[in-house]
Amino acid sequence: MVYMEGRIYVPNNKDLKEEILREHHNPADVGHLGQHRIQELIKRTYWWPGLKEDVKKYVQGCTKCQQNKVQHQRKAGELHLLEIPEGPWQDISIDMIGPLPKSNGMDAIVVIVD
């Protein structure tokens, strides 16, 4: 490690970075803080290229954080059955899915139901 601009530069060492992330994220007195708070705590002492991305991956990979994360989305509404149409072309539904990873130059699925 090299001392620069008041912070310690951490070389490209996965184990060392993992240890620093664990020390700042997992201690009992700190608790499992979010990405931004952990990043600020680490930046007070350490720095390395890609710090923000490493913190994000570490927090997203933390089982306790994912289990206790607050959900900000509304709960999905109830599903209701559609009425059975009396004949063809009276009720048409379309579902579009995408973008998806490209396959044969395509990146979406369209389903049309009569």
PDB file of N, CA and C in Angstrom:
ATOM      1  N   MET A   1       0.839  -1.183   0.000  1.00  0.00           N
ATOM      2  CA  MET A   1       0.000   0.000   0.000  1.00  0.00           C
ATOM      3  C   MET A   1       0.882   1.243   0.000  1.00  0.00           C
ATOM      4  N   VAL A   2       0.396   2.284  -0.655  1.00  0.00           N
ATOM      5  CA  VAL A   2       1.113   3.545  -0.764  1.00  0.00           C
ATOM      6  C   VAL A   2       0.245   4.645  -0.171  1.00  0.00           C
ATOM      7  N   TYR A   3       0.855   5.534   0.609  1.00  0.00           N
ATOM      8  CA  TYR A   3       0.134   6.650   1.232  1.00  0.00           C
ATOM      9  C   TYR A   3       0.131   7.815   0.259  1.00  0.00           C
ATOM     10  N   MET A   4      -1.074   8.299  -0.104  1.00  0.00           N
ATOM     11  CA  MET A   4      -1.141   9.430  -1.022  1.00  0.00           C
ATOM     12  C   MET A   4      -2.354  10.296  -0.707  1.00  0.00           C
ATOM     13  N   GLU A   5      -2.163  11.611  -0.724  1.00  0.00           N
ATOM     14  CA  GLU A   5      -3.232  12.585  -0.509  1.00  0.00           C
ATOM     15  C   GLU A   5      -4.074  12.277   0.721  1.00  0.00           C
ATOM     16  N   GLY A   6      -3.464  11.868   1.820  1.00  0.00           N
ATOM     17  CA  GLY A   6      -4.182  11.619   3.057  1.00  0.00           C
ATOM     18  C   GLY A   6      -4.882  10.278   3.115  1.00  0.00           C
ATOM     19  N   ARG A   7      -4.794   9.505   2.043  1.00  0.00           N
ATOM     20  CA  ARG A   7      -5.421   8.181   2.019  1.00  0.00           C
ATOM     21  C   ARG A   7      -4.400   7.138   1.575  1.00  0.00           C
ATOM     22  N   ILE A   8      -4.695   5.906   1.906  1.00  0.00           N
ATOM     23  CA  ILE A   8      -3.817   4.804   1.523  1.00  0.00           C
ATOM     24  C   ILE A   8      -4.315   4.229   0.215  1.00  0.00           C
ATOM     25  N   TYR A   9      -3.436   4.179  -0.787  1.00  0.00           N
ATOM     26  CA  TYR A   9      -3.769   3.583  -2.076  1.00  0.00           C
ATOM     27  C   TYR A   9      -3.658   2.073  -1.960  1.00  0.00           C
ATOM     28  N   VAL A  10      -4.731   1.371  -2.277  1.00  0.00           N
ATOM     29  CA  VAL A  10      -4.757  -0.087  -2.178  1.00  0.00           C
ATOM     30  C   VAL A  10      -4.447  -0.659  -3.554  1.00  0.00           C
ATOM     31  N   PRO A  11      -3.415  -1.497  -3.663  1.00  0.00           N
ATOM     32  CA  PRO A  11      -3.082  -2.081  -4.964  1.00  0.00           C
ATOM     33  C   PRO A  11      -4.159  -3.073  -5.401  1.00  0.00           C
ATOM     34  N   ASN A  12      -4.046  -3.538  -6.620  1.00  0.00           N
ATOM     35  CA  ASN A  12      -5.027  -4.471  -7.181  1.00  0.00           C
ATOM     36  C   ASN A  12      -4.861  -5.848  -6.543  1.00  0.00           C
ATOM     37  N   ASN A  13      -5.351  -5.978  -5.316  1.00  0.00           N
ATOM     38  CA  ASN A  13      -5.259  -7.217  -4.550  1.00  0.00           C
ATOM     39  C   ASN A  13      -6.658  -7.545  -4.040  1.00  0.00           C
ATOM     40  N   LYS A  14      -7.282  -8.532  -4.648  1.00  0.00           N
ATOM     41  CA  LYS A  14      -8.674  -8.871  -4.344  1.00  0.00           C
ATOM     42  C   LYS A  14      -8.881  -9.203  -2.867  1.00  0.00           C
ATOM     43  N   ASP A  15      -7.974  -9.981  -2.280  1.00  0.00           N
ATOM     44  CA  ASP A  15      -8.109 -10.376  -0.872  1.00  0.00           C
ATOM     45  C   ASP A  15      -8.028  -9.176   0.068  1.00  0.00           C
ATOM     46  N   LEU A  16      -7.124  -8.257  -0.220  1.00  0.00           N
ATOM     47  CA  LEU A  16      -6.964  -7.058   0.609  1.00  0.00           C
ATOM     48  C   LEU A  16      -8.207  -6.166   0.515  1.00  0.00           C
ATOM     49  N   LYS A  17      -8.712  -5.978  -0.702  1.00  0.00           N
ATOM     50  CA  LYS A  17      -9.921  -5.176  -0.889  1.00  0.00           C
ATOM     51  C   LYS A  17     -11.109  -5.817  -0.169  1.00  0.00           C
ATOM     52  N   GLU A  18     -11.220  -7.132  -0.278  1.00  0.00           N
ATOM     53  CA  GLU A  18     -12.306  -7.872   0.375  1.00  0.00           C
ATOM     54  C   GLU A  18     -12.237  -7.687   1.891  1.00  0.00           C
ATOM     55  N   GLU A  19     -11.040  -7.724   2.439  1.00  0.00           N
ATOM     56  CA  GLU A  19     -10.864  -7.543   3.879  1.00  0.00           C
ATOM     57  C   GLU A  19     -11.284  -6.134   4.312  1.00  0.00           C
ATOM     58  N   ILE A  20     -10.907  -5.125   3.539  1.00  0.00           N
ATOM     59  CA  ILE A  20     -11.277  -3.747   3.861  1.00  0.00           C
ATOM     60  C   ILE A  20     -12.794  -3.584   3.786  1.00  0.00           C
ATOM     61  N   LEU A  21     -13.417  -4.139   2.759  1.00  0.00           N
ATOM     62  CA  LEU A  21     -14.872  -4.067   2.620  1.00  0.00           C
ATOM     63  C   LEU A  21     -15.566  -4.757   3.794  1.00  0.00           C
ATOM     64  N   ARG A  22     -15.074  -5.928   4.162  1.00  0.00           N
ATOM     65  CA  ARG A  22     -15.664  -6.694   5.267  1.00  0.00           C
ATOM     66  C   ARG A  22     -15.529  -5.925   6.586  1.00  0.00           C
ATOM     67  N   GLU A  23     -14.362  -5.341   6.852  1.00  0.00           N
ATOM     68  CA  GLU A  23     -14.136  -4.596   8.090  1.00  0.00           C
ATOM     69  C   GLU A  23     -15.059  -3.384   8.212  1.00  0.00           C
ATOM     70  N   HIS A  24     -15.393  -2.760   7.094  1.00  0.00           N
ATOM     71  CA  HIS A  24     -16.229  -1.555   7.131  1.00  0.00           C
ATOM     72  C   HIS A  24     -17.724  -1.875   7.040  1.00  0.00           C
ATOM     73  N   HIS A  25     -18.070  -3.052   6.576  1.00  0.00           N
ATOM     74  CA  HIS A  25     -19.480  -3.394   6.372  1.00  0.00           C
ATOM     75  C   HIS A  25     -20.061  -4.299   7.455  1.00  0.00           C
ATOM     76  N   ASN A  26     -19.278  -5.226   7.971  1.00  0.00           N
ATOM     77  CA  ASN A  26     -19.801  -6.279   8.843  1.00  0.00           C
ATOM     78  C   ASN A  26     -19.666  -6.085  10.346  1.00  0.00           C
ATOM     79  N   PRO A  27     -18.919  -5.116  10.877  1.00  0.00           N
ATOM     80  CA  PRO A  27     -18.757  -5.070  12.337  1.00  0.00           C
ATOM     81  C   PRO A  27     -20.083  -4.839  13.061  1.00  0.00           C
ATOM     82  N   ALA A  28     -20.200  -5.427  14.256  1.00  0.00           N
ATOM     83  CA  ALA A  28     -21.449  -5.359  15.032  1.00  0.00           C
ATOM     84  C   ALA A  28     -21.793  -3.930  15.434  1.00  0.00           C
ATOM     85  N   ASP A  29     -20.788  -3.110  15.736  1.00  0.00           N
ATOM     86  CA  ASP A  29     -21.068  -1.742  16.180  1.00  0.00           C
ATOM     87  C   ASP A  29     -21.507  -0.822  15.036  1.00  0.00           C
ATOM     88  N   VAL A  30     -21.190  -1.188  13.800  1.00  0.00           N
ATOM     89  CA  VAL A  30     -21.570  -0.380  12.645  1.00  0.00           C
ATOM     90  C   VAL A  30     -22.848  -0.922  12.013  1.00  0.00           C
ATOM     91  N   GLY A  31     -22.963  -2.216  11.912  1.00  0.00           N
ATOM     92  CA  GLY A  31     -24.121  -2.815  11.247  1.00  0.00           C
ATOM     93  C   GLY A  31     -23.930  -2.801   9.739  1.00  0.00           C
ATOM     94  N   HIS A  32     -24.864  -3.334   9.058  1.00  0.00           N
ATOM     95  CA  HIS A  32     -24.784  -3.449   7.604  1.00  0.00           C
ATOM     96  C   HIS A  32     -25.317  -2.174   6.966  1.00  0.00           C
ATOM     97  N   LEU A  33     -24.445  -1.196   6.826  1.00  0.00           N
ATOM     98  CA  LEU A  33     -24.824   0.083   6.240  1.00  0.00           C
ATOM     99  C   LEU A  33     -24.930  -0.054   4.727  1.00  0.00           C
ATOM    100  N   GLY A  34     -25.576   0.910   4.094  1.00  0.00           N
ATOM    101  CA  GLY A  34     -25.764   0.887   2.648  1.00  0.00           C
ATOM    102  C   GLY A  34     -24.501   1.235   1.891  1.00  0.00           C
ATOM    103  N   GLN A  35     -24.619   1.171   0.572  1.00  0.00           N
ATOM    104  CA  GLN A  35     -23.481   1.385  -0.319  1.00  0.00           C
ATOM    105  C   GLN A  35     -22.817   2.741  -0.115  1.00  0.00           C
ATOM    106  N   HIS A  36     -23.611   3.794  -0.068  1.00  0.00           N
ATOM    107  CA  HIS A  36     -23.037   5.142  -0.002  1.00  0.00           C
ATOM    108  C   HIS A  36     -22.301   5.382   1.317  1.00  0.00           C
ATOM    109  N   ARG A  37     -22.886   4.912   2.405  1.00  0.00           N
ATOM    110  CA  ARG A  37     -22.259   5.113   3.723  1.00  0.00           C
ATOM    111  C   ARG A  37     -20.960   4.315   3.836  1.00  0.00           C
ATOM    112  N   ILE A  38     -20.970   3.076   3.357  1.00  0.00           N
ATOM    113  CA  ILE A  38     -19.759   2.244   3.389  1.00  0.00           C
ATOM    114  C   ILE A  38     -18.672   2.885   2.532  1.00  0.00           C
ATOM    115  N   GLN A  39     -19.047   3.366   1.363  1.00  0.00           N
ATOM    116  CA  GLN A  39     -18.073   4.001   0.482  1.00  0.00           C
ATOM    117  C   GLN A  39     -17.444   5.224   1.155  1.00  0.00           C
ATOM    118  N   GLU A  40     -18.259   6.039   1.820  1.00  0.00           N
ATOM    119  CA  GLU A  40     -17.730   7.211   2.511  1.00  0.00           C
ATOM    120  C   GLU A  40     -16.781   6.812   3.645  1.00  0.00           C
ATOM    121  N   LEU A  41     -17.123   5.775   4.398  1.00  0.00           N
ATOM    122  CA  LEU A  41     -16.244   5.313   5.481  1.00  0.00           C
ATOM    123  C   LEU A  41     -14.901   4.829   4.939  1.00  0.00           C
ATOM    124  N   ILE A  42     -14.939   4.077   3.851  1.00  0.00           N
ATOM    125  CA  ILE A  42     -13.691   3.541   3.274  1.00  0.00           C
ATOM    126  C   ILE A  42     -12.852   4.678   2.699  1.00  0.00           C
ATOM    127  N   LYS A  43     -13.499   5.633   2.016  1.00  0.00           N
ATOM    128  CA  LYS A  43     -12.756   6.720   1.373  1.00  0.00           C
ATOM    129  C   LYS A  43     -12.036   7.627   2.355  1.00  0.00           C
ATOM    130  N   ARG A  44     -12.420   7.581   3.627  1.00  0.00           N
ATOM    131  CA  ARG A  44     -11.711   8.389   4.626  1.00  0.00           C
ATOM    132  C   ARG A  44     -10.273   7.922   4.802  1.00  0.00           C
ATOM    133  N   THR A  45     -10.043   6.616   4.583  1.00  0.00           N
ATOM    134  CA  THR A  45      -8.717   6.044   4.816  1.00  0.00           C
ATOM    135  C   THR A  45      -8.083   5.447   3.569  1.00  0.00           C
ATOM    136  N   TYR A  46      -8.899   4.824   2.704  1.00  0.00           N
ATOM    137  CA  TYR A  46      -8.373   4.075   1.559  1.00  0.00           C
ATOM    138  C   TYR A  46      -8.928   4.606   0.243  1.00  0.00           C
ATOM    139  N   TRP A  47      -8.240   4.249  -0.839  1.00  0.00           N
ATOM    140  CA  TRP A  47      -8.729   4.530  -2.185  1.00  0.00           C
ATOM    141  C   TRP A  47      -8.137   3.520  -3.144  1.00  0.00           C
ATOM    142  N   TRP A  48      -8.928   3.126  -4.141  1.00  0.00           N
ATOM    143  CA  TRP A  48      -8.438   2.317  -5.261  1.00  0.00           C
ATOM    144  C   TRP A  48      -9.368   2.529  -6.443  1.00  0.00           C
ATOM    145  N   PRO A  49      -8.864   2.319  -7.669  1.00  0.00           N
ATOM    146  CA  PRO A  49      -9.718   2.465  -8.842  1.00  0.00           C
ATOM    147  C   PRO A  49     -10.857   1.436  -8.780  1.00  0.00           C
ATOM    148  N   GLY A  50     -12.060   1.874  -9.049  1.00  0.00           N
ATOM    149  CA  GLY A  50     -13.206   0.969  -9.023  1.00  0.00           C
ATOM    150  C   GLY A  50     -13.788   0.746  -7.641  1.00  0.00           C
ATOM    151  N   LEU A  51     -13.442   1.611  -6.682  1.00  0.00           N
ATOM    152  CA  LEU A  51     -13.930   1.470  -5.299  1.00  0.00           C
ATOM    153  C   LEU A  51     -15.455   1.455  -5.264  1.00  0.00           C
ATOM    154  N   LYS A  52     -16.086   2.376  -5.977  1.00  0.00           N
ATOM    155  CA  LYS A  52     -17.547   2.487  -5.961  1.00  0.00           C
ATOM    156  C   LYS A  52     -18.199   1.179  -6.447  1.00  0.00           C
ATOM    157  N   GLU A  53     -17.701   0.634  -7.534  1.00  0.00           N
ATOM    158  CA  GLU A  53     -18.258  -0.607  -8.083  1.00  0.00           C
ATOM    159  C   GLU A  53     -18.020  -1.791  -7.144  1.00  0.00           C
ATOM    160  N   ASP A  54     -16.853  -1.830  -6.513  1.00  0.00           N
ATOM    161  CA  ASP A  54     -16.548  -2.914  -5.577  1.00  0.00           C
ATOM    162  C   ASP A  54     -17.475  -2.867  -4.358  1.00  0.00           C
ATOM    163  N   VAL A  55     -17.734  -1.660  -3.851  1.00  0.00           N
ATOM    164  CA  VAL A  55     -18.642  -1.513  -2.713  1.00  0.00           C
ATOM    165  C   VAL A  55     -20.048  -1.956  -3.118  1.00  0.00           C
ATOM    166  N   LYS A  56     -20.483  -1.527  -4.282  1.00  0.00           N
ATOM    167  CA  LYS A  56     -21.826  -1.891  -4.768  1.00  0.00           C
ATOM    168  C   LYS A  56     -21.974  -3.408  -4.873  1.00  0.00           C
ATOM    169  N   LYS A  57     -20.999  -4.075  -5.480  1.00  0.00           N
ATOM    170  CA  LYS A  57     -21.049  -5.537  -5.619  1.00  0.00           C
ATOM    171  C   LYS A  57     -21.046  -6.225  -4.260  1.00  0.00           C
ATOM    172  N   TYR A  58     -20.245  -5.713  -3.340  1.00  0.00           N
ATOM    173  CA  TYR A  58     -20.138  -6.333  -2.019  1.00  0.00           C
ATOM    174  C   TYR A  58     -21.462  -6.233  -1.268  1.00  0.00           C
ATOM    175  N   VAL A  59     -22.073  -5.049  -1.264  1.00  0.00           N
ATOM    176  CA  VAL A  59     -23.335  -4.850  -0.546  1.00  0.00           C
ATOM    177  C   VAL A  59     -24.449  -5.655  -1.212  1.00  0.00           C
ATOM    178  N   GLN A  60     -24.484  -5.677  -2.543  1.00  0.00           N
ATOM    179  CA  GLN A  60     -25.509  -6.450  -3.242  1.00  0.00           C
ATOM    180  C   GLN A  60     -25.337  -7.950  -3.022  1.00  0.00           C
ATOM    181  N   GLY A  61     -24.135  -8.385  -2.718  1.00  0.00           N
ATOM    182  CA  GLY A  61     -23.876  -9.795  -2.460  1.00  0.00           C
ATOM    183  C   GLY A  61     -24.044 -10.187  -1.001  1.00  0.00           C
ATOM    184  N   CYS A  62     -24.361  -9.236  -0.145  1.00  0.00           N
ATOM    185  CA  CYS A  62     -24.523  -9.508   1.287  1.00  0.00           C
ATOM    186  C   CYS A  62     -25.923 -10.066   1.540  1.00  0.00           C
ATOM    187  N   THR A  63     -26.000 -11.290   2.013  1.00  0.00           N
ATOM    188  CA  THR A  63     -27.280 -11.959   2.247  1.00  0.00           C
ATOM    189  C   THR A  63     -28.131 -11.219   3.267  1.00  0.00           C
ATOM    190  N   LYS A  64     -27.532 -10.794   4.367  1.00  0.00           N
ATOM    191  CA  LYS A  64     -28.291 -10.085   5.412  1.00  0.00           C
ATOM    192  C   LYS A  64     -28.879  -8.784   4.877  1.00  0.00           C
ATOM    193  N   CYS A  65     -28.112  -8.055   4.082  1.00  0.00           N
ATOM    194  CA  CYS A  65     -28.613  -6.798   3.525  1.00  0.00           C
ATOM    195  C   CYS A  65     -29.794  -7.050   2.593  1.00  0.00           C
ATOM    196  N   GLN A  66     -29.694  -8.074   1.760  1.00  0.00           N
ATOM    197  CA  GLN A  66     -30.772  -8.366   0.816  1.00  0.00           C
ATOM    198  C   GLN A  66     -32.024  -8.855   1.527  1.00  0.00           C
ATOM    199  N   GLN A  67     -31.864  -9.615   2.607  1.00  0.00           N
ATOM    200  CA  GLN A  67     -33.024 -10.121   3.346  1.00  0.00           C
ATOM    201  C   GLN A  67     -33.733  -9.013   4.113  1.00  0.00           C
ATOM    202  N   ASN A  68     -32.991  -8.003   4.567  1.00  0.00           N
ATOM    203  CA  ASN A  68     -33.568  -6.949   5.394  1.00  0.00           C
ATOM    204  C   ASN A  68     -33.801  -5.643   4.639  1.00  0.00           C
ATOM    205  N   LYS A  69     -33.599  -5.676   3.334  1.00  0.00           N
ATOM    206  CA  LYS A  69     -33.749  -4.474   2.527  1.00  0.00           C
ATOM    207  C   LYS A  69     -35.211  -4.037   2.487  1.00  0.00           C
ATOM    208  N   VAL A  70     -35.437  -2.733   2.592  1.00  0.00           N
ATOM    209  CA  VAL A  70     -36.785  -2.180   2.543  1.00  0.00           C
ATOM    210  C   VAL A  70     -37.249  -2.168   1.087  1.00  0.00           C
ATOM    211  N   GLN A  71     -38.461  -2.670   0.860  1.00  0.00           N
ATOM    212  CA  GLN A  71     -39.036  -2.673  -0.482  1.00  0.00           C
ATOM    213  C   GLN A  71     -39.775  -1.359  -0.703  1.00  0.00           C
ATOM    214  N   HIS A  72     -39.454  -0.661  -1.793  1.00  0.00           N
ATOM    215  CA  HIS A  72     -40.079   0.622  -2.095  1.00  0.00           C
ATOM    216  C   HIS A  72     -41.152   0.505  -3.171  1.00  0.00           C
ATOM    217  N   GLN A  73     -41.392  -0.698  -3.661  1.00  0.00           N
ATOM    218  CA  GLN A  73     -42.393  -0.891  -4.703  1.00  0.00           C
ATOM    219  C   GLN A  73     -43.734  -1.239  -4.084  1.00  0.00           C
ATOM    220  N   ARG A  74     -44.793  -0.833  -4.752  1.00  0.00           N
ATOM    221  CA  ARG A  74     -46.116  -1.236  -4.314  1.00  0.00           C
ATOM    222  C   ARG A  74     -46.289  -2.721  -4.568  1.00  0.00           C
ATOM    223  N   LYS A  75     -47.129  -3.347  -3.752  1.00  0.00           N
ATOM    224  CA  LYS A  75     -47.421  -4.746  -3.974  1.00  0.00           C
ATOM    225  C   LYS A  75     -48.256  -4.872  -5.242  1.00  0.00           C
ATOM    226  N   ALA A  76     -48.058  -5.960  -5.960  1.00  0.00           N
ATOM    227  CA  ALA A  76     -48.791  -6.184  -7.205  1.00  0.00           C
ATOM    228  C   ALA A  76     -50.275  -6.370  -6.890  1.00  0.00           C
ATOM    229  N   GLY A  77     -51.108  -5.887  -7.789  1.00  0.00           N
ATOM    230  CA  GLY A  77     -52.551  -6.041  -7.616  1.00  0.00           C
ATOM    231  C   GLY A  77     -52.978  -7.471  -7.901  1.00  0.00           C
ATOM    232  N   GLU A  78     -54.223  -7.760  -7.556  1.00  0.00           N
ATOM    233  CA  GLU A  78     -54.746  -9.101  -7.789  1.00  0.00           C
ATOM    234  C   GLU A  78     -54.962  -9.338  -9.275  1.00  0.00           C
ATOM    235  N   LEU A  79     -54.763 -10.583  -9.688  1.00  0.00           N
ATOM    236  CA  LEU A  79     -55.029 -10.955 -11.072  1.00  0.00           C
ATOM    237  C   LEU A  79     -56.495 -11.325 -11.216  1.00  0.00           C
ATOM    238  N   HIS A  80     -57.088 -10.920 -12.316  1.00  0.00           N
ATOM    239  CA  HIS A  80     -58.493 -11.230 -12.578  1.00  0.00           C
ATOM    240  C   HIS A  80     -58.587 -11.965 -13.908  1.00  0.00           C
ATOM    241  N   LEU A  81     -59.415 -12.979 -13.955  1.00  0.00           N
ATOM    242  CA  LEU A  81     -59.618 -13.724 -15.185  1.00  0.00           C
ATOM    243  C   LEU A  81     -60.346 -12.863 -16.202  1.00  0.00           C
ATOM    244  N   LEU A  82     -59.968 -13.007 -17.458  1.00  0.00           N
ATOM    245  CA  LEU A  82     -60.654 -12.306 -18.530  1.00  0.00           C
ATOM    246  C   LEU A  82     -61.926 -13.062 -18.902  1.00  0.00           C
ATOM    247  N   GLU A  83     -62.899 -12.327 -19.379  1.00  0.00           N
ATOM    248  CA  GLU A  83     -64.124 -12.978 -19.839  1.00  0.00           C
ATOM    249  C   GLU A  83     -63.819 -13.762 -21.108  1.00  0.00           C
ATOM    250  N   ILE A  84     -64.515 -14.865 -21.294  1.00  0.00           N
ATOM    251  CA  ILE A  84     -64.322 -15.680 -22.482  1.00  0.00           C
ATOM    252  C   ILE A  84     -65.086 -15.023 -23.622  1.00  0.00           C
ATOM    253  N   PRO A  85     -64.384 -14.670 -24.723  1.00  0.00           N
ATOM    254  CA  PRO A  85     -65.074 -14.020 -25.842  1.00  0.00           C
ATOM    255  C   PRO A  85     -66.017 -14.993 -26.564  1.00  0.00           C
ATOM    256  N   GLU A  86     -67.024 -14.424 -27.227  1.00  0.00           N
ATOM    257  CA  GLU A  86     -68.004 -15.258 -27.924  1.00  0.00           C
ATOM    258  C   GLU A  86     -67.498 -15.730 -29.278  1.00  0.00           C
ATOM    259  N   GLY A  87     -66.524 -15.082 -29.849  1.00  0.00           N
ATOM    260  CA  GLY A  87     -66.009 -15.487 -31.158  1.00  0.00           C
ATOM    261  C   GLY A  87     -64.618 -14.930 -31.375  1.00  0.00           C
ATOM    262  N   PRO A  88     -63.995 -15.285 -32.519  1.00  0.00           N
ATOM    263  CA  PRO A  88     -62.645 -14.809 -32.815  1.00  0.00           C
ATOM    264  C   PRO A  88     -62.596 -13.294 -33.048  1.00  0.00           C
ATOM    265  N   TRP A  89     -61.479 -12.703 -32.752  1.00  0.00           N
ATOM    266  CA  TRP A  89     -61.141 -11.304 -32.953  1.00  0.00           C
ATOM    267  C   TRP A  89     -61.964 -10.351 -32.087  1.00  0.00           C
ATOM    268  N   GLN A  90     -62.654 -10.861 -31.079  1.00  0.00           N
ATOM    269  CA  GLN A  90     -63.408  -9.986 -30.190  1.00  0.00           C
ATOM    270  C   GLN A  90     -62.532  -9.469 -29.044  1.00  0.00           C
ATOM    271  N   ASP A  91     -61.518 -10.230 -28.700  1.00  0.00           N
ATOM    272  CA  ASP A  91     -60.621  -9.826 -27.616  1.00  0.00           C
ATOM    273  C   ASP A  91     -59.209 -10.213 -28.000  1.00  0.00           C
ATOM    274  N   ILE A  92     -58.334  -9.235 -28.100  1.00  0.00           N
ATOM    275  CA  ILE A  92     -56.948  -9.472 -28.492  1.00  0.00           C
ATOM    276  C   ILE A  92     -56.057  -8.897 -27.394  1.00  0.00           C
ATOM    277  N   SER A  93     -55.035  -9.671 -26.994  1.00  0.00           N
ATOM    278  CA  SER A  93     -54.068  -9.164 -26.017  1.00  0.00           C
ATOM    279  C   SER A  93     -52.664  -9.284 -26.593  1.00  0.00           C
ATOM    280  N   ILE A  94     -51.822  -8.349 -26.203  1.00  0.00           N
ATOM    281  CA  ILE A  94     -50.448  -8.317 -26.695  1.00  0.00           C
ATOM    282  C   ILE A  94     -49.520  -8.159 -25.498  1.00  0.00           C
ATOM    283  N   ASP A  95     -48.498  -9.002 -25.425  1.00  0.00           N
ATOM    284  CA  ASP A  95     -47.448  -8.879 -24.417  1.00  0.00           C
ATOM    285  C   ASP A  95     -46.124  -8.662 -25.124  1.00  0.00           C
ATOM    286  N   MET A  96     -45.365  -7.679 -24.659  1.00  0.00           N
ATOM    287  CA  MET A  96     -44.038  -7.416 -25.218  1.00  0.00           C
ATOM    288  C   MET A  96     -43.010  -7.563 -24.113  1.00  0.00           C
ATOM    289  N   ILE A  97     -41.951  -8.305 -24.387  1.00  0.00           N
ATOM    290  CA  ILE A  97     -40.886  -8.545 -23.422  1.00  0.00           C
ATOM    291  C   ILE A  97     -39.575  -8.096 -24.050  1.00  0.00           C
ATOM    292  N   GLY A  98     -38.829  -7.264 -23.354  1.00  0.00           N
ATOM    293  CA  GLY A  98     -37.543  -6.849 -23.878  1.00  0.00           C
ATOM    294  C   GLY A  98     -37.093  -5.571 -23.204  1.00  0.00           C
ATOM    295  N   PRO A  99     -35.887  -5.145 -23.420  1.00  0.00           N
ATOM    296  CA  PRO A  99     -34.887  -5.815 -24.243  1.00  0.00           C
ATOM    297  C   PRO A  99     -34.289  -7.024 -23.530  1.00  0.00           C
ATOM    298  N   LEU A 100     -33.945  -8.019 -24.299  1.00  0.00           N
ATOM    299  CA  LEU A 100     -33.321  -9.248 -23.814  1.00  0.00           C
ATOM    300  C   LEU A 100     -31.938  -9.361 -24.430  1.00  0.00           C
ATOM    301  N   PRO A 101     -31.114 -10.287 -23.945  1.00  0.00           N
ATOM    302  CA  PRO A 101     -29.834 -10.524 -24.625  1.00  0.00           C
ATOM    303  C   PRO A 101     -30.100 -10.941 -26.074  1.00  0.00           C
ATOM    304  N   LYS A 102     -29.318 -10.411 -26.984  1.00  0.00           N
ATOM    305  CA  LYS A 102     -29.544 -10.673 -28.412  1.00  0.00           C
ATOM    306  C   LYS A 102     -29.362 -12.148 -28.765  1.00  0.00           C
ATOM    307  N   SER A 103     -30.263 -12.623 -29.624  1.00  0.00           N
ATOM    308  CA  SER A 103     -30.198 -13.975 -30.166  1.00  0.00           C
ATOM    309  C   SER A 103     -30.578 -13.877 -31.636  1.00  0.00           C
ATOM    310  N   ASN A 104     -29.650 -14.217 -32.504  1.00  0.00           N
ATOM    311  CA  ASN A 104     -29.860 -14.084 -33.958  1.00  0.00           C
ATOM    312  C   ASN A 104     -30.264 -12.664 -34.338  1.00  0.00           C
ATOM    313  N   GLY A 105     -29.703 -11.680 -33.659  1.00  0.00           N
ATOM    314  CA  GLY A 105     -29.962 -10.280 -33.946  1.00  0.00           C
ATOM    315  C   GLY A 105     -31.242  -9.730 -33.331  1.00  0.00           C
ATOM    316  N   MET A 106     -32.001 -10.560 -32.619  1.00  0.00           N
ATOM    317  CA  MET A 106     -33.262 -10.123 -32.021  1.00  0.00           C
ATOM    318  C   MET A 106     -33.085  -9.943 -30.515  1.00  0.00           C
ATOM    319  N   ASP A 107     -33.856  -8.989 -29.937  1.00  0.00           N
ATOM    320  CA  ASP A 107     -33.723  -8.752 -28.503  1.00  0.00           C
ATOM    321  C   ASP A 107     -35.064  -8.572 -27.798  1.00  0.00           C
ATOM    322  N   ALA A 108     -36.152  -9.052 -28.413  1.00  0.00           N
ATOM    323  CA  ALA A 108     -37.466  -8.911 -27.786  1.00  0.00           C
ATOM    324  C   ALA A 108     -38.380 -10.070 -28.195  1.00  0.00           C
ATOM    325  N   ILE A 109     -39.454 -10.237 -27.431  1.00  0.00           N
ATOM    326  CA  ILE A 109     -40.465 -11.258 -27.718  1.00  0.00           C
ATOM    327  C   ILE A 109     -41.822 -10.545 -27.712  1.00  0.00           C
ATOM    328  N   VAL A 110     -42.627 -10.814 -28.728  1.00  0.00           N
ATOM    329  CA  VAL A 110     -43.985 -10.289 -28.789  1.00  0.00           C
ATOM    330  C   VAL A 110     -44.939 -11.492 -28.846  1.00  0.00           C
ATOM    331  N   VAL A 111     -45.929 -11.514 -27.949  1.00  0.00           N
ATOM    332  CA  VAL A 111     -46.920 -12.576 -27.915  1.00  0.00           C
ATOM    333  C   VAL A 111     -48.287 -11.944 -28.148  1.00  0.00           C
ATOM    334  N   ILE A 112     -48.971 -12.382 -29.193  1.00  0.00           N
ATOM    335  CA  ILE A 112     -50.304 -11.878 -29.510  1.00  0.00           C
ATOM    336  C   ILE A 112     -51.293 -13.027 -29.360  1.00  0.00           C
ATOM    337  N   VAL A 113     -52.337 -12.791 -28.564  1.00  0.00           N
ATOM    338  CA  VAL A 113     -53.323 -13.837 -28.305  1.00  0.00           C
ATOM    339  C   VAL A 113     -54.695 -13.352 -28.744  1.00  0.00           C
ATOM    340  N   ASP A 114     -55.378 -14.199 -29.540  1.00  0.00           N
ATOM    341  CA  ASP A 114     -56.746 -13.914 -29.962  1.00  0.00           C
ATOM    342  C   ASP A 114     -57.663 -14.763 -29.125  1.00  0.00           C
TER     343      ASP A 114
END
